[in-house]
Every structure is written in C-alpha cells, then in structure tokens.
Amino acid sequence: MLVTTPYRYLIGPGDDVGAELVDDLCRWHDRMVAHVRRHGASARCGCGDPDDCPRIEARELWHRARTEFGVDAAPLTFLRQHGGGDVHG
C-alpha cells in the first residue's frame, strides 16, 4: 500500500516520538482522502460507521499534533479541518 508523506517535514533527526506521530498522520491522511472521495467532505460525515471513521481518529491526531509540534502544527489544515467538531452527531 502506498502511503503519502506530507507530514515528514515536521520531524528532525532523532525525533522518535515525532516520527511515530508522523507515521500515524501519513497513514491517516491516505485513509481520510479515500474516505472523503467515497463519502464527501461535508462537516457532518455520512459514512454511517462512527467506529471506523477516520474523522474520529483525526480528533486524536489533531490533539497529538498540537501537543507534539505546537505552533508548527498550524499548517496542518487537512487534519485540523477533519479533526474538529462532532462529525457523527
């Protein structure tokens, strides 16, 4: 499976915690792109599966990114867009 790497710039050499988070972000990103293509990008998710929806994972990842990267997480607009709010009502 091809995994994109749009978050690699966030980590420096030897940053193991950041590297683990970036790996998680890259896997989530590919999953979320496929999900949006299938179910749309509306604020309220129509997938009907809150237990396996990548938007649920986005909340945790957005929190982790803000904690780990601080202000450097600000440009992560795709993650922030899908990581906020109650997407399944």
C-alpha atoms as a PDB file:
ATOM      1  CA  MET A   1       0.000   0.000   0.000  1.00  0.00           C
ATOM      2  CA  LEU A   2       1.335   3.414  -0.952  1.00  0.00           C
ATOM      3  CA  VAL A   3       1.480   5.847   1.952  1.00  0.00           C
ATOM      4  CA  THR A   4       1.907   9.550   1.326  1.00  0.00           C
ATOM      5  CA  THR A   5       4.431  11.538   3.318  1.00  0.00           C
ATOM      6  CA  PRO A   6       3.086  15.093   3.517  1.00  0.00           C
ATOM      7  CA  TYR A   7       3.994  15.385   7.204  1.00  0.00           C
ATOM      8  CA  ARG A   8       7.669  14.321   7.119  1.00  0.00           C
ATOM      9  CA  TYR A   9       8.903  17.923   7.231  1.00  0.00           C
ATOM     10  CA  LEU A  10       7.685  18.176  10.845  1.00  0.00           C
ATOM     11  CA  ILE A  11      10.378  15.935  12.317  1.00  0.00           C
ATOM     12  CA  GLY A  12      14.080  16.267  12.743  1.00  0.00           C
ATOM     13  CA  PRO A  13      16.761  13.616  13.093  1.00  0.00           C
ATOM     14  CA  GLY A  14      16.380  11.519  16.239  1.00  0.00           C
ATOM     15  CA  ASP A  15      12.823  12.675  16.988  1.00  0.00           C
ATOM     16  CA  ASP A  16      11.357   9.231  17.655  1.00  0.00           C
ATOM     17  CA  VAL A  17       8.087  10.466  19.190  1.00  0.00           C
ATOM     18  CA  GLY A  18       7.544  12.883  16.337  1.00  0.00           C
ATOM     19  CA  ALA A  19       8.447  10.185  13.805  1.00  0.00           C
ATOM     20  CA  GLU A  20       5.834   7.822  15.240  1.00  0.00           C
ATOM     21  CA  LEU A  21       3.197  10.550  15.087  1.00  0.00           C
ATOM     22  CA  VAL A  22       4.171  11.425  11.509  1.00  0.00           C
ATOM     23  CA  ASP A  23       3.827   7.756  10.530  1.00  0.00           C
ATOM     24  CA  ASP A  24       0.341   7.770  12.068  1.00  0.00           C
ATOM     25  CA  LEU A  25      -0.515  11.025  10.278  1.00  0.00           C
ATOM     26  CA  CYS A  26       0.633   9.688   6.904  1.00  0.00           C
ATOM     27  CA  ARG A  27      -1.440   6.507   7.261  1.00  0.00           C
ATOM     28  CA  TRP A  28      -4.449   8.528   8.423  1.00  0.00           C
ATOM     29  CA  HIS A  29      -4.059  11.002   5.548  1.00  0.00           C
ATOM     30  CA  ASP A  30      -4.340   8.321   2.868  1.00  0.00           C
ATOM     31  CA  ARG A  31      -7.292   6.736   4.655  1.00  0.00           C
ATOM     32  CA  MET A  32      -9.025  10.109   5.059  1.00  0.00           C
ATOM     33  CA  VAL A  33      -8.552  11.069   1.398  1.00  0.00           C
ATOM     34  CA  ALA A  34     -10.172   7.785   0.334  1.00  0.00           C
ATOM     35  CA  HIS A  35     -12.978   8.354   2.857  1.00  0.00           C
ATOM     36  CA  VAL A  36     -13.681  11.881   1.572  1.00  0.00           C
ATOM     37  CA  ARG A  37     -13.772  10.625  -2.005  1.00  0.00           C
ATOM     38  CA  ARG A  38     -16.274   7.949  -1.017  1.00  0.00           C
ATOM     39  CA  HIS A  39     -18.483   9.922   1.403  1.00  0.00           C
ATOM     40  CA  GLY A  40     -17.863  13.600   0.679  1.00  0.00           C
ATOM     41  CA  ALA A  41     -16.205  16.373   2.623  1.00  0.00           C
ATOM     42  CA  SER A  42     -19.215  17.829   4.413  1.00  0.00           C
ATOM     43  CA  ALA A  43     -18.787  18.792   8.057  1.00  0.00           C
ATOM     44  CA  ARG A  44     -21.200  16.060   9.076  1.00  0.00           C
ATOM     45  CA  CYS A  45     -19.978  12.634   7.992  1.00  0.00           C
ATOM     46  CA  GLY A  46     -22.389  10.409   6.126  1.00  0.00           C
ATOM     47  CA  CYS A  47     -20.422   7.175   6.290  1.00  0.00           C
ATOM     48  CA  GLY A  48     -22.666   5.674   8.966  1.00  0.00           C
ATOM     49  CA  ASP A  49     -19.778   3.961  10.744  1.00  0.00           C
ATOM     50  CA  PRO A  50     -18.541   6.089  13.639  1.00  0.00           C
ATOM     51  CA  ASP A  51     -16.467   3.189  14.991  1.00  0.00           C
ATOM     52  CA  ASP A  52     -14.284   3.021  11.871  1.00  0.00           C
ATOM     53  CA  CYS A  53     -14.488   6.578  10.552  1.00  0.00           C
ATOM     54  CA  PRO A  54     -11.090   8.242  10.040  1.00  0.00           C
ATOM     55  CA  ARG A  55     -12.626  11.526  11.183  1.00  0.00           C
ATOM     56  CA  ILE A  56     -12.838  10.089  14.686  1.00  0.00           C
ATOM     57  CA  GLU A  57      -9.117   9.277  14.546  1.00  0.00           C
ATOM     58  CA  ALA A  58      -8.487  12.808  13.243  1.00  0.00           C
ATOM     59  CA  ARG A  59      -9.558  14.292  16.581  1.00  0.00           C
ATOM     60  CA  GLU A  60      -6.914  12.352  18.471  1.00  0.00           C
ATOM     61  CA  LEU A  61      -4.259  13.020  15.831  1.00  0.00           C
ATOM     62  CA  TRP A  62      -5.004  16.753  15.798  1.00  0.00           C
ATOM     63  CA  HIS A  63      -4.625  16.852  19.587  1.00  0.00           C
ATOM     64  CA  ARG A  64      -1.365  14.868  19.416  1.00  0.00           C
ATOM     65  CA  ALA A  65      -0.012  17.092  16.635  1.00  0.00           C
ATOM     66  CA  ARG A  66      -0.745  20.272  18.587  1.00  0.00           C
ATOM     67  CA  THR A  67       0.867  18.777  21.689  1.00  0.00           C
ATOM     68  CA  GLU A  68       3.956  17.445  19.894  1.00  0.00           C
ATOM     69  CA  PHE A  69       4.566  20.156  17.298  1.00  0.00           C
ATOM     70  CA  GLY A  70       2.995  23.233  18.920  1.00  0.00           C
ATOM     71  CA  VAL A  71       2.688  26.158  16.514  1.00  0.00           C
ATOM     72  CA  ASP A  72       4.287  24.062  13.756  1.00  0.00           C
ATOM     73  CA  ALA A  73       1.009  22.100  13.622  1.00  0.00           C
ATOM     74  CA  ALA A  74      -0.871  25.190  12.403  1.00  0.00           C
ATOM     75  CA  PRO A  75      -0.314  24.469   8.670  1.00  0.00           C
ATOM     76  CA  LEU A  76      -1.940  21.020   9.002  1.00  0.00           C
ATOM     77  CA  THR A  77      -5.220  22.328   7.626  1.00  0.00           C
ATOM     78  CA  PHE A  78      -6.492  18.980   6.278  1.00  0.00           C
ATOM     79  CA  LEU A  79      -6.033  17.386   9.692  1.00  0.00           C
ATOM     80  CA  ARG A  80      -7.481  20.388  11.536  1.00  0.00           C
ATOM     81  CA  GLN A  81     -10.492  20.505   9.188  1.00  0.00           C
ATOM     82  CA  HIS A  82     -11.375  16.879   9.889  1.00  0.00           C
ATOM     83  CA  GLY A  83     -10.184  16.708  13.486  1.00  0.00           C
ATOM     84  CA  GLY A  84     -12.580  19.219  14.992  1.00  0.00           C
ATOM     85  CA  GLY A  85     -16.219  19.008  15.956  1.00  0.00           C
ATOM     86  CA  ASP A  86     -18.745  16.232  16.284  1.00  0.00           C
ATOM     87  CA  VAL A  87     -18.795  14.615  12.852  1.00  0.00           C
ATOM     88  CA  HIS A  88     -21.321  11.880  13.593  1.00  0.00           C
ATOM     89  CA  GLY A  89     -23.794  13.809  15.714  1.00  0.00           C
END
